Amino acid sequence: MNKDEILERSRKENKNQDVYEKEVIIQGNRYACMVSAVLATLFFVIQIFTGGGINYGLYAVVFAMPMAGFWVKYVKLHKKHELFVALCYTVGVLVFSAAHIYGLLNASTIL
């Protein structure tokens, strides 16, 4: 197999998409998740120390990003590890969402 055949096969496999660009996007998504987790933690701690209570909604949002990513990876790759991690993040999102909604209902002056 010569160089041109290898390049042609690679283009077909990657559907004319740049592999390097895909890797950069993946790396960017990882950093985006990390930055959002750090920022949410900062806001979470500041809110607690300023007497604003606990906002579990921040972590529900932060956990939702990797949760969605792992569900997509599981659907595409069918790996048990991806399913396990997706389920863990899903439980986290549900728990944080429930805690946030419960806190809102308790603090509500309308209900």
PDB file of N, CA and C in Angstrom:
ATOM      1  N   MET A   1       0.847  -1.168   0.000  1.00  0.00           N
ATOM      2  CA  MET A   1       0.000   0.000   0.000  1.00  0.00           C
ATOM      3  C   MET A   1       0.903   1.245   0.000  1.00  0.00           C
ATOM      4  N   ASN A   2       0.670   2.140  -0.931  1.00  0.00           N
ATOM      5  CA  ASN A   2       1.512   3.332  -1.012  1.00  0.00           C
ATOM      6  C   ASN A   2       0.905   4.486  -0.215  1.00  0.00           C
ATOM      7  N   LYS A   3       1.639   5.568  -0.195  1.00  0.00           N
ATOM      8  CA  LYS A   3       1.258   6.729   0.615  1.00  0.00           C
ATOM      9  C   LYS A   3      -0.097   7.298   0.208  1.00  0.00           C
ATOM     10  N   ASP A   4      -0.358   7.387  -1.096  1.00  0.00           N
ATOM     11  CA  ASP A   4      -1.634   7.941  -1.572  1.00  0.00           C
ATOM     12  C   ASP A   4      -2.819   7.079  -1.167  1.00  0.00           C
ATOM     13  N   GLU A   5      -2.645   5.757  -1.213  1.00  0.00           N
ATOM     14  CA  GLU A   5      -3.725   4.857  -0.802  1.00  0.00           C
ATOM     15  C   GLU A   5      -4.015   4.998   0.695  1.00  0.00           C
ATOM     16  N   ILE A   6      -2.957   5.134   1.483  1.00  0.00           N
ATOM     17  CA  ILE A   6      -3.128   5.298   2.928  1.00  0.00           C
ATOM     18  C   ILE A   6      -3.860   6.603   3.236  1.00  0.00           C
ATOM     19  N   LEU A   7      -3.458   7.679   2.551  1.00  0.00           N
ATOM     20  CA  LEU A   7      -4.129   8.964   2.757  1.00  0.00           C
ATOM     21  C   LEU A   7      -5.597   8.904   2.344  1.00  0.00           C
ATOM     22  N   GLU A   8      -5.875   8.251   1.243  1.00  0.00           N
ATOM     23  CA  GLU A   8      -7.259   8.143   0.772  1.00  0.00           C
ATOM     24  C   GLU A   8      -8.120   7.345   1.755  1.00  0.00           C
ATOM     25  N   ARG A   9      -7.564   6.257   2.260  1.00  0.00           N
ATOM     26  CA  ARG A   9      -8.285   5.430   3.233  1.00  0.00           C
ATOM     27  C   ARG A   9      -8.531   6.234   4.521  1.00  0.00           C
ATOM     28  N   SER A  10      -7.533   6.999   4.954  1.00  0.00           N
ATOM     29  CA  SER A  10      -7.677   7.816   6.152  1.00  0.00           C
ATOM     30  C   SER A  10      -8.753   8.874   5.963  1.00  0.00           C
ATOM     31  N   ARG A  11      -8.795   9.481   4.791  1.00  0.00           N
ATOM     32  CA  ARG A  11      -9.825  10.496   4.522  1.00  0.00           C
ATOM     33  C   ARG A  11     -11.217   9.878   4.563  1.00  0.00           C
ATOM     34  N   LYS A  12     -11.355   8.678   4.022  1.00  0.00           N
ATOM     35  CA  LYS A  12     -12.667   8.014   4.046  1.00  0.00           C
ATOM     36  C   LYS A  12     -13.076   7.683   5.477  1.00  0.00           C
ATOM     37  N   GLU A  13     -12.136   7.171   6.271  1.00  0.00           N
ATOM     38  CA  GLU A  13     -12.436   6.810   7.660  1.00  0.00           C
ATOM     39  C   GLU A  13     -12.814   8.029   8.485  1.00  0.00           C
ATOM     40  N   ASN A  14     -12.160   9.134   8.240  1.00  0.00           N
ATOM     41  CA  ASN A  14     -12.401  10.356   9.013  1.00  0.00           C
ATOM     42  C   ASN A  14     -13.400  11.286   8.354  1.00  0.00           C
ATOM     43  N   LYS A  15     -13.977  10.854   7.236  1.00  0.00           N
ATOM     44  CA  LYS A  15     -15.003  11.615   6.524  1.00  0.00           C
ATOM     45  C   LYS A  15     -14.541  13.043   6.228  1.00  0.00           C
ATOM     46  N   ASN A  16     -13.317  13.155   5.747  1.00  0.00           N
ATOM     47  CA  ASN A  16     -12.701  14.429   5.372  1.00  0.00           C
ATOM     48  C   ASN A  16     -12.605  15.428   6.524  1.00  0.00           C
ATOM     49  N   GLN A  17     -12.592  14.940   7.758  1.00  0.00           N
ATOM     50  CA  GLN A  17     -12.419  15.817   8.911  1.00  0.00           C
ATOM     51  C   GLN A  17     -10.968  15.732   9.379  1.00  0.00           C
ATOM     52  N   ASP A  18     -10.456  16.823   9.853  1.00  0.00           N
ATOM     53  CA  ASP A  18      -9.086  16.889  10.327  1.00  0.00           C
ATOM     54  C   ASP A  18      -8.990  16.217  11.692  1.00  0.00           C
ATOM     55  N   VAL A  19      -8.143  15.193  11.810  1.00  0.00           N
ATOM     56  CA  VAL A  19      -7.992  14.448  13.055  1.00  0.00           C
ATOM     57  C   VAL A  19      -7.414  15.354  14.144  1.00  0.00           C
ATOM     58  N   TYR A  20      -6.457  16.191  13.789  1.00  0.00           N
ATOM     59  CA  TYR A  20      -5.868  17.116  14.765  1.00  0.00           C
ATOM     60  C   TYR A  20      -6.926  18.071  15.305  1.00  0.00           C
ATOM     61  N   GLU A  21      -7.774  18.572  14.432  1.00  0.00           N
ATOM     62  CA  GLU A  21      -8.832  19.482  14.865  1.00  0.00           C
ATOM     63  C   GLU A  21      -9.779  18.780  15.832  1.00  0.00           C
ATOM     64  N   LYS A  22     -10.095  17.521  15.571  1.00  0.00           N
ATOM     65  CA  LYS A  22     -10.950  16.754  16.482  1.00  0.00           C
ATOM     66  C   LYS A  22     -10.309  16.648  17.865  1.00  0.00           C
ATOM     67  N   GLU A  23      -9.016  16.359  17.891  1.00  0.00           N
ATOM     68  CA  GLU A  23      -8.306  16.228  19.166  1.00  0.00           C
ATOM     69  C   GLU A  23      -8.274  17.555  19.925  1.00  0.00           C
ATOM     70  N   VAL A  24      -8.098  18.649  19.214  1.00  0.00           N
ATOM     71  CA  VAL A  24      -8.096  19.969  19.847  1.00  0.00           C
ATOM     72  C   VAL A  24      -9.467  20.260  20.448  1.00  0.00           C
ATOM     73  N   ILE A  25     -10.522  19.916  19.744  1.00  0.00           N
ATOM     74  CA  ILE A  25     -11.884  20.129  20.252  1.00  0.00           C
ATOM     75  C   ILE A  25     -12.121  19.296  21.506  1.00  0.00           C
ATOM     76  N   ILE A  26     -11.669  18.058  21.496  1.00  0.00           N
ATOM     77  CA  ILE A  26     -11.820  17.182  22.662  1.00  0.00           C
ATOM     78  C   ILE A  26     -11.069  17.758  23.856  1.00  0.00           C
ATOM     79  N   GLN A  27      -9.832  18.197  23.610  1.00  0.00           N
ATOM     80  CA  GLN A  27      -9.040  18.786  24.688  1.00  0.00           C
ATOM     81  C   GLN A  27      -9.695  20.069  25.198  1.00  0.00           C
ATOM     82  N   GLY A  28     -10.227  20.867  24.301  1.00  0.00           N
ATOM     83  CA  GLY A  28     -10.924  22.085  24.707  1.00  0.00           C
ATOM     84  C   GLY A  28     -12.132  21.784  25.573  1.00  0.00           C
ATOM     85  N   ASN A  29     -12.865  20.738  25.222  1.00  0.00           N
ATOM     86  CA  ASN A  29     -14.028  20.348  26.026  1.00  0.00           C
ATOM     87  C   ASN A  29     -13.618  19.898  27.416  1.00  0.00           C
ATOM     88  N   ARG A  30     -12.513  19.171  27.505  1.00  0.00           N
ATOM     89  CA  ARG A  30     -12.023  18.740  28.824  1.00  0.00           C
ATOM     90  C   ARG A  30     -11.685  19.940  29.694  1.00  0.00           C
ATOM     91  N   TYR A  31     -10.944  20.882  29.122  1.00  0.00           N
ATOM     92  CA  TYR A  31     -10.585  22.078  29.882  1.00  0.00           C
ATOM     93  C   TYR A  31     -11.816  22.892  30.250  1.00  0.00           C
ATOM     94  N   ALA A  32     -12.795  22.942  29.374  1.00  0.00           N
ATOM     95  CA  ALA A  32     -14.031  23.671  29.673  1.00  0.00           C
ATOM     96  C   ALA A  32     -14.730  23.066  30.881  1.00  0.00           C
ATOM     97  N   CYS A  33     -14.783  21.752  30.941  1.00  0.00           N
ATOM     98  CA  CYS A  33     -15.406  21.083  32.095  1.00  0.00           C
ATOM     99  C   CYS A  33     -14.629  21.362  33.374  1.00  0.00           C
ATOM    100  N   MET A  34     -13.296  21.324  33.292  1.00  0.00           N
ATOM    101  CA  MET A  34     -12.483  21.585  34.478  1.00  0.00           C
ATOM    102  C   MET A  34     -12.643  23.025  34.955  1.00  0.00           C
ATOM    103  N   VAL A  35     -12.628  23.971  34.038  1.00  0.00           N
ATOM    104  CA  VAL A  35     -12.772  25.372  34.410  1.00  0.00           C
ATOM    105  C   VAL A  35     -14.143  25.625  35.016  1.00  0.00           C
ATOM    106  N   SER A  36     -15.177  25.033  34.456  1.00  0.00           N
ATOM    107  CA  SER A  36     -16.512  25.232  35.021  1.00  0.00           C
ATOM    108  C   SER A  36     -16.617  24.624  36.416  1.00  0.00           C
ATOM    109  N   ALA A  37     -15.956  23.495  36.642  1.00  0.00           N
ATOM    110  CA  ALA A  37     -15.972  22.885  37.977  1.00  0.00           C
ATOM    111  C   ALA A  37     -15.249  23.769  38.985  1.00  0.00           C
ATOM    112  N   VAL A  38     -14.117  24.328  38.595  1.00  0.00           N
ATOM    113  CA  VAL A  38     -13.369  25.215  39.494  1.00  0.00           C
ATOM    114  C   VAL A  38     -14.185  26.478  39.787  1.00  0.00           C
ATOM    115  N   LEU A  39     -14.771  27.066  38.767  1.00  0.00           N
ATOM    116  CA  LEU A  39     -15.559  28.278  38.946  1.00  0.00           C
ATOM    117  C   LEU A  39     -16.792  28.021  39.814  1.00  0.00           C
ATOM    118  N   ALA A  40     -17.467  26.897  39.580  1.00  0.00           N
ATOM    119  CA  ALA A  40     -18.630  26.555  40.401  1.00  0.00           C
ATOM    120  C   ALA A  40     -18.222  26.350  41.858  1.00  0.00           C
ATOM    121  N   THR A  41     -17.070  25.715  42.087  1.00  0.00           N
ATOM    122  CA  THR A  41     -16.592  25.508  43.449  1.00  0.00           C
ATOM    123  C   THR A  41     -16.275  26.839  44.113  1.00  0.00           C
ATOM    124  N   LEU A  42     -15.655  27.738  43.376  1.00  0.00           N
ATOM    125  CA  LEU A  42     -15.363  29.067  43.900  1.00  0.00           C
ATOM    126  C   LEU A  42     -16.650  29.796  44.294  1.00  0.00           C
ATOM    127  N   PHE A  43     -17.642  29.792  43.396  1.00  0.00           N
ATOM    128  CA  PHE A  43     -18.928  30.428  43.695  1.00  0.00           C
ATOM    129  C   PHE A  43     -19.619  29.752  44.879  1.00  0.00           C
ATOM    130  N   PHE A  44     -19.547  28.432  44.930  1.00  0.00           N
ATOM    131  CA  PHE A  44     -20.158  27.650  45.992  1.00  0.00           C
ATOM    132  C   PHE A  44     -19.579  28.054  47.346  1.00  0.00           C
ATOM    133  N   VAL A  45     -18.261  28.109  47.431  1.00  0.00           N
ATOM    134  CA  VAL A  45     -17.590  28.456  48.690  1.00  0.00           C
ATOM    135  C   VAL A  45     -17.867  29.906  49.071  1.00  0.00           C
ATOM    136  N   ILE A  46     -17.790  30.812  48.103  1.00  0.00           N
ATOM    137  CA  ILE A  46     -18.070  32.225  48.399  1.00  0.00           C
ATOM    138  C   ILE A  46     -19.500  32.395  48.898  1.00  0.00           C
ATOM    139  N   GLN A  47     -20.441  31.698  48.281  1.00  0.00           N
ATOM    140  CA  GLN A  47     -21.839  31.818  48.690  1.00  0.00           C
ATOM    141  C   GLN A  47     -22.036  31.310  50.112  1.00  0.00           C
ATOM    142  N   ILE A  48     -21.361  30.231  50.471  1.00  0.00           N
ATOM    143  CA  ILE A  48     -21.479  29.691  51.834  1.00  0.00           C
ATOM    144  C   ILE A  48     -20.893  30.677  52.846  1.00  0.00           C
ATOM    145  N   PHE A  49     -19.694  31.194  52.560  1.00  0.00           N
ATOM    146  CA  PHE A  49     -19.029  32.089  53.514  1.00  0.00           C
ATOM    147  C   PHE A  49     -19.665  33.473  53.604  1.00  0.00           C
ATOM    148  N   THR A  50     -20.418  33.870  52.615  1.00  0.00           N
ATOM    149  CA  THR A  50     -21.102  35.166  52.689  1.00  0.00           C
ATOM    150  C   THR A  50     -22.514  35.030  53.244  1.00  0.00           C
ATOM    151  N   GLY A  51     -22.879  33.828  53.655  1.00  0.00           N
ATOM    152  CA  GLY A  51     -24.177  33.612  54.271  1.00  0.00           C
ATOM    153  C   GLY A  51     -25.308  33.427  53.284  1.00  0.00           C
ATOM    154  N   GLY A  52     -24.980  33.128  52.044  1.00  0.00           N
ATOM    155  CA  GLY A  52     -26.000  32.967  51.018  1.00  0.00           C
ATOM    156  C   GLY A  52     -26.577  31.564  50.923  1.00  0.00           C
ATOM    157  N   GLY A  53     -26.193  30.691  51.828  1.00  0.00           N
ATOM    158  CA  GLY A  53     -26.697  29.322  51.782  1.00  0.00           C
ATOM    159  C   GLY A  53     -25.895  28.459  50.811  1.00  0.00           C
ATOM    160  N   ILE A  54     -26.456  27.333  50.494  1.00  0.00           N
ATOM    161  CA  ILE A  54     -25.781  26.380  49.611  1.00  0.00           C
ATOM    162  C   ILE A  54     -26.564  26.276  48.312  1.00  0.00           C
ATOM    163  N   ASN A  55     -25.874  26.449  47.197  1.00  0.00           N
ATOM    164  CA  ASN A  55     -26.502  26.373  45.882  1.00  0.00           C
ATOM    165  C   ASN A  55     -26.063  25.086  45.190  1.00  0.00           C
ATOM    166  N   TYR A  56     -26.829  24.026  45.377  1.00  0.00           N
ATOM    167  CA  TYR A  56     -26.505  22.752  44.752  1.00  0.00           C
ATOM    168  C   TYR A  56     -26.740  22.776  43.249  1.00  0.00           C
ATOM    169  N   GLY A  57     -27.492  23.743  42.776  1.00  0.00           N
ATOM    170  CA  GLY A  57     -27.755  23.858  41.342  1.00  0.00           C
ATOM    171  C   GLY A  57     -26.492  24.043  40.526  1.00  0.00           C
ATOM    172  N   LEU A  58     -25.502  24.721  41.107  1.00  0.00           N
ATOM    173  CA  LEU A  58     -24.225  24.892  40.404  1.00  0.00           C
ATOM    174  C   LEU A  58     -23.605  23.539  40.067  1.00  0.00           C
ATOM    175  N   TYR A  59     -23.600  22.655  41.034  1.00  0.00           N
ATOM    176  CA  TYR A  59     -22.995  21.350  40.792  1.00  0.00           C
ATOM    177  C   TYR A  59     -23.860  20.470  39.904  1.00  0.00           C
ATOM    178  N   ALA A  60     -25.147  20.673  39.929  1.00  0.00           N
ATOM    179  CA  ALA A  60     -26.008  19.931  38.994  1.00  0.00           C
ATOM    180  C   ALA A  60     -25.623  20.278  37.559  1.00  0.00           C
ATOM    181  N   VAL A  61     -25.393  21.556  37.308  1.00  0.00           N
ATOM    182  CA  VAL A  61     -24.994  22.003  35.968  1.00  0.00           C
ATOM    183  C   VAL A  61     -23.605  21.480  35.614  1.00  0.00           C
ATOM    184  N   VAL A  62     -22.674  21.569  36.561  1.00  0.00           N
ATOM    185  CA  VAL A  62     -21.305  21.120  36.310  1.00  0.00           C
ATOM    186  C   VAL A  62     -21.274  19.612  36.040  1.00  0.00           C
ATOM    187  N   PHE A  63     -22.019  18.836  36.800  1.00  0.00           N
ATOM    188  CA  PHE A  63     -22.045  17.390  36.590  1.00  0.00           C
ATOM    189  C   PHE A  63     -22.776  17.018  35.304  1.00  0.00           C
ATOM    190  N   ALA A  64     -23.677  17.864  34.842  1.00  0.00           N
ATOM    191  CA  ALA A  64     -24.442  17.557  33.633  1.00  0.00           C
ATOM    192  C   ALA A  64     -23.561  17.537  32.385  1.00  0.00           C
ATOM    193  N   MET A  65     -22.512  18.349  32.358  1.00  0.00           N
ATOM    194  CA  MET A  65     -21.636  18.389  31.177  1.00  0.00           C
ATOM    195  C   MET A  65     -20.904  17.063  30.956  1.00  0.00           C
ATOM    196  N   PRO A  66     -20.155  16.565  31.928  1.00  0.00           N
ATOM    197  CA  PRO A  66     -19.510  15.267  31.689  1.00  0.00           C
ATOM    198  C   PRO A  66     -20.519  14.124  31.582  1.00  0.00           C
ATOM    199  N   MET A  67     -21.654  14.261  32.279  1.00  0.00           N
ATOM    200  CA  MET A  67     -22.686  13.230  32.171  1.00  0.00           C
ATOM    201  C   MET A  67     -23.107  13.060  30.721  1.00  0.00           C
ATOM    202  N   ALA A  68     -23.393  14.159  30.059  1.00  0.00           N
ATOM    203  CA  ALA A  68     -23.807  14.099  28.657  1.00  0.00           C
ATOM    204  C   ALA A  68     -22.704  13.515  27.787  1.00  0.00           C
ATOM    205  N   GLY A  69     -21.467  13.915  28.043  1.00  0.00           N
ATOM    206  CA  GLY A  69     -20.345  13.389  27.270  1.00  0.00           C
ATOM    207  C   GLY A  69     -20.186  11.887  27.426  1.00  0.00           C
ATOM    208  N   PHE A  70     -20.306  11.396  28.651  1.00  0.00           N
ATOM    209  CA  PHE A  70     -20.163   9.952  28.871  1.00  0.00           C
ATOM    210  C   PHE A  70     -21.332   9.173  28.291  1.00  0.00           C
ATOM    211  N   TRP A  71     -22.536   9.751  28.308  1.00  0.00           N
ATOM    212  CA  TRP A  71     -23.662   9.057  27.676  1.00  0.00           C
ATOM    213  C   TRP A  71     -23.450   8.946  26.167  1.00  0.00           C
ATOM    214  N   VAL A  72     -22.950  10.010  25.556  1.00  0.00           N
ATOM    215  CA  VAL A  72     -22.676   9.965  24.108  1.00  0.00           C
ATOM    216  C   VAL A  72     -21.601   8.920  23.823  1.00  0.00           C
ATOM    217  N   LYS A  73     -20.530   8.907  24.644  1.00  0.00           N
ATOM    218  CA  LYS A  73     -19.467   7.921  24.438  1.00  0.00           C
ATOM    219  C   LYS A  73     -20.000   6.499  24.608  1.00  0.00           C
ATOM    220  N   TYR A  74     -20.881   6.291  25.591  1.00  0.00           N
ATOM    221  CA  TYR A  74     -21.433   4.952  25.785  1.00  0.00           C
ATOM    222  C   TYR A  74     -22.290   4.527  24.594  1.00  0.00           C
ATOM    223  N   VAL A  75     -23.138   5.432  24.118  1.00  0.00           N
ATOM    224  CA  VAL A  75     -24.016   5.099  22.987  1.00  0.00           C
ATOM    225  C   VAL A  75     -23.185   4.762  21.746  1.00  0.00           C
ATOM    226  N   LYS A  76     -22.100   5.502  21.542  1.00  0.00           N
ATOM    227  CA  LYS A  76     -21.274   5.284  20.353  1.00  0.00           C
ATOM    228  C   LYS A  76     -20.336   4.090  20.484  1.00  0.00           C
ATOM    229  N   LEU A  77     -19.774   3.870  21.688  1.00  0.00           N
ATOM    230  CA  LEU A  77     -18.729   2.862  21.866  1.00  0.00           C
ATOM    231  C   LEU A  77     -19.194   1.596  22.579  1.00  0.00           C
ATOM    232  N   HIS A  78     -20.300   1.670  23.296  1.00  0.00           N
ATOM    233  CA  HIS A  78     -20.864   0.524  24.032  1.00  0.00           C
ATOM    234  C   HIS A  78     -19.861  -0.091  25.011  1.00  0.00           C
ATOM    235  N   LYS A  79     -19.124   0.764  25.712  1.00  0.00           N
ATOM    236  CA  LYS A  79     -18.172   0.274  26.704  1.00  0.00           C
ATOM    237  C   LYS A  79     -18.803   0.360  28.085  1.00  0.00           C
ATOM    238  N   LYS A  80     -18.597  -0.694  28.892  1.00  0.00           N
ATOM    239  CA  LYS A  80     -19.194  -0.731  30.223  1.00  0.00           C
ATOM    240  C   LYS A  80     -18.663   0.381  31.120  1.00  0.00           C
ATOM    241  N   HIS A  81     -17.406   0.725  30.966  1.00  0.00           N
ATOM    242  CA  HIS A  81     -16.827   1.797  31.771  1.00  0.00           C
ATOM    243  C   HIS A  81     -17.552   3.114  31.512  1.00  0.00           C
ATOM    244  N   GLU A  82     -17.844   3.402  30.266  1.00  0.00           N
ATOM    245  CA  GLU A  82     -18.539   4.649  29.926  1.00  0.00           C
ATOM    246  C   GLU A  82     -19.947   4.647  30.524  1.00  0.00           C
ATOM    247  N   LEU A  83     -20.604   3.502  30.491  1.00  0.00           N
ATOM    248  CA  LEU A  83     -21.939   3.381  31.084  1.00  0.00           C
ATOM    249  C   LEU A  83     -21.880   3.618  32.588  1.00  0.00           C
ATOM    250  N   PHE A  84     -20.907   3.013  33.253  1.00  0.00           N
ATOM    251  CA  PHE A  84     -20.773   3.158  34.700  1.00  0.00           C
ATOM    252  C   PHE A  84     -20.552   4.619  35.084  1.00  0.00           C
ATOM    253  N   VAL A  85     -19.637   5.279  34.393  1.00  0.00           N
ATOM    254  CA  VAL A  85     -19.341   6.684  34.711  1.00  0.00           C
ATOM    255  C   VAL A  85     -20.544   7.569  34.384  1.00  0.00           C
ATOM    256  N   ALA A  86     -21.220   7.288  33.257  1.00  0.00           N
ATOM    257  CA  ALA A  86     -22.413   8.055  32.890  1.00  0.00           C
ATOM    258  C   ALA A  86     -23.492   7.911  33.962  1.00  0.00           C
ATOM    259  N   LEU A  87     -23.682   6.710  34.469  1.00  0.00           N
ATOM    260  CA  LEU A  87     -24.667   6.489  35.528  1.00  0.00           C
ATOM    261  C   LEU A  87     -24.284   7.221  36.812  1.00  0.00           C
ATOM    262  N   CYS A  88     -22.997   7.213  37.151  1.00  0.00           N
ATOM    263  CA  CYS A  88     -22.541   7.929  38.353  1.00  0.00           C
ATOM    264  C   CYS A  88     -22.806   9.423  38.226  1.00  0.00           C
ATOM    265  N   TYR A  89     -22.469   9.980  37.078  1.00  0.00           N
ATOM    266  CA  TYR A  89     -22.728  11.406  36.876  1.00  0.00           C
ATOM    267  C   TYR A  89     -24.233  11.698  36.865  1.00  0.00           C
ATOM    268  N   THR A  90     -25.023  10.782  36.309  1.00  0.00           N
ATOM    269  CA  THR A  90     -26.479  10.967  36.281  1.00  0.00           C
ATOM    270  C   THR A  90     -27.039  10.998  37.700  1.00  0.00           C
ATOM    271  N   VAL A  91     -26.566  10.093  38.529  1.00  0.00           N
ATOM    272  CA  VAL A  91     -26.998  10.088  39.929  1.00  0.00           C
ATOM    273  C   VAL A  91     -26.605  11.406  40.600  1.00  0.00           C
ATOM    274  N   GLY A  92     -25.379  11.864  40.344  1.00  0.00           N
ATOM    275  CA  GLY A  92     -24.938  13.134  40.897  1.00  0.00           C
ATOM    276  C   GLY A  92     -25.827  14.287  40.467  1.00  0.00           C
ATOM    277  N   VAL A  93     -26.150  14.337  39.181  1.00  0.00           N
ATOM    278  CA  VAL A  93     -27.018  15.404  38.662  1.00  0.00           C
ATOM    279  C   VAL A  93     -28.387  15.334  39.328  1.00  0.00           C
ATOM    280  N   LEU A  94     -28.938  14.145  39.448  1.00  0.00           N
ATOM    281  CA  LEU A  94     -30.255  13.999  40.064  1.00  0.00           C
ATOM    282  C   LEU A  94     -30.241  14.397  41.536  1.00  0.00           C
ATOM    283  N   VAL A  95     -29.209  13.990  42.267  1.00  0.00           N
ATOM    284  CA  VAL A  95     -29.120  14.322  43.697  1.00  0.00           C
ATOM    285  C   VAL A  95     -28.948  15.825  43.889  1.00  0.00           C
ATOM    286  N   PHE A  96     -28.016  16.419  43.132  1.00  0.00           N
ATOM    287  CA  PHE A  96     -27.807  17.866  43.266  1.00  0.00           C
ATOM    288  C   PHE A  96     -29.037  18.648  42.817  1.00  0.00           C
ATOM    289  N   SER A  97     -29.703  18.197  41.777  1.00  0.00           N
ATOM    290  CA  SER A  97     -30.917  18.878  41.310  1.00  0.00           C
ATOM    291  C   SER A  97     -32.026  18.791  42.349  1.00  0.00           C
ATOM    292  N   ALA A  98     -32.194  17.595  42.912  1.00  0.00           N
ATOM    293  CA  ALA A  98     -33.223  17.418  43.938  1.00  0.00           C
ATOM    294  C   ALA A  98     -32.931  18.283  45.158  1.00  0.00           C
ATOM    295  N   ALA A  99     -31.663  18.326  45.578  1.00  0.00           N
ATOM    296  CA  ALA A  99     -31.295  19.143  46.737  1.00  0.00           C
ATOM    297  C   ALA A  99     -31.537  20.626  46.445  1.00  0.00           C
ATOM    298  N   HIS A 100     -31.217  21.054  45.250  1.00  0.00           N
ATOM    299  CA  HIS A 100     -31.417  22.453  44.878  1.00  0.00           C
ATOM    300  C   HIS A 100     -32.908  22.809  44.857  1.00  0.00           C
ATOM    301  N   ILE A 101     -33.706  21.960  44.243  1.00  0.00           N
ATOM    302  CA  ILE A 101     -35.154  22.211  44.163  1.00  0.00           C
ATOM    303  C   ILE A 101     -35.778  22.168  45.557  1.00  0.00           C
ATOM    304  N   TYR A 102     -35.349  21.221  46.372  1.00  0.00           N
ATOM    305  CA  TYR A 102     -35.849  21.134  47.744  1.00  0.00           C
ATOM    306  C   TYR A 102     -35.535  22.415  48.517  1.00  0.00           C
ATOM    307  N   GLY A 103     -34.304  22.917  48.367  1.00  0.00           N
ATOM    308  CA  GLY A 103     -33.922  24.167  49.028  1.00  0.00           C
ATOM    309  C   GLY A 103     -34.745  25.346  48.538  1.00  0.00           C
ATOM    310  N   LEU A 104     -35.021  25.383  47.258  1.00  0.00           N
ATOM    311  CA  LEU A 104     -35.849  26.464  46.711  1.00  0.00           C
ATOM    312  C   LEU A 104     -37.275  26.404  47.249  1.00  0.00           C
ATOM    313  N   LEU A 105     -37.814  25.187  47.326  1.00  0.00           N
ATOM    314  CA  LEU A 105     -39.182  25.039  47.841  1.00  0.00           C
ATOM    315  C   LEU A 105     -39.274  25.429  49.310  1.00  0.00           C
ATOM    316  N   ASN A 106     -38.260  25.070  50.082  1.00  0.00           N
ATOM    317  CA  ASN A 106     -38.267  25.433  51.508  1.00  0.00           C
ATOM    318  C   ASN A 106     -38.129  26.925  51.736  1.00  0.00           C
ATOM    319  N   ALA A 107     -37.399  27.602  50.849  1.00  0.00           N
ATOM    320  CA  ALA A 107     -37.187  29.039  50.997  1.00  0.00           C
ATOM    321  C   ALA A 107     -38.281  29.868  50.339  1.00  0.00           C
ATOM    322  N   SER A 108     -39.182  29.205  49.628  1.00  0.00           N
ATOM    323  CA  SER A 108     -40.211  29.923  48.876  1.00  0.00           C
ATOM    324  C   SER A 108     -41.207  30.598  49.810  1.00  0.00           C
ATOM    325  N   THR A 109     -41.521  31.829  49.489  1.00  0.00           N
ATOM    326  CA  THR A 109     -42.540  32.539  50.268  1.00  0.00           C
ATOM    327  C   THR A 109     -43.912  32.401  49.627  1.00  0.00           C
ATOM    328  N   ILE A 110     -43.933  31.887  48.406  1.00  0.00           N
ATOM    329  CA  ILE A 110     -45.197  31.712  47.673  1.00  0.00           C
ATOM    330  C   ILE A 110     -45.900  30.426  48.112  1.00  0.00           C
ATOM    331  N   LEU A 111     -45.122  29.368  48.323  1.00  0.00           N
ATOM    332  CA  LEU A 111     -45.731  28.078  48.668  1.00  0.00           C
ATOM    333  C   LEU A 111     -45.956  27.909  50.127  1.00  0.00           C
TER     334      LEU A 111
END
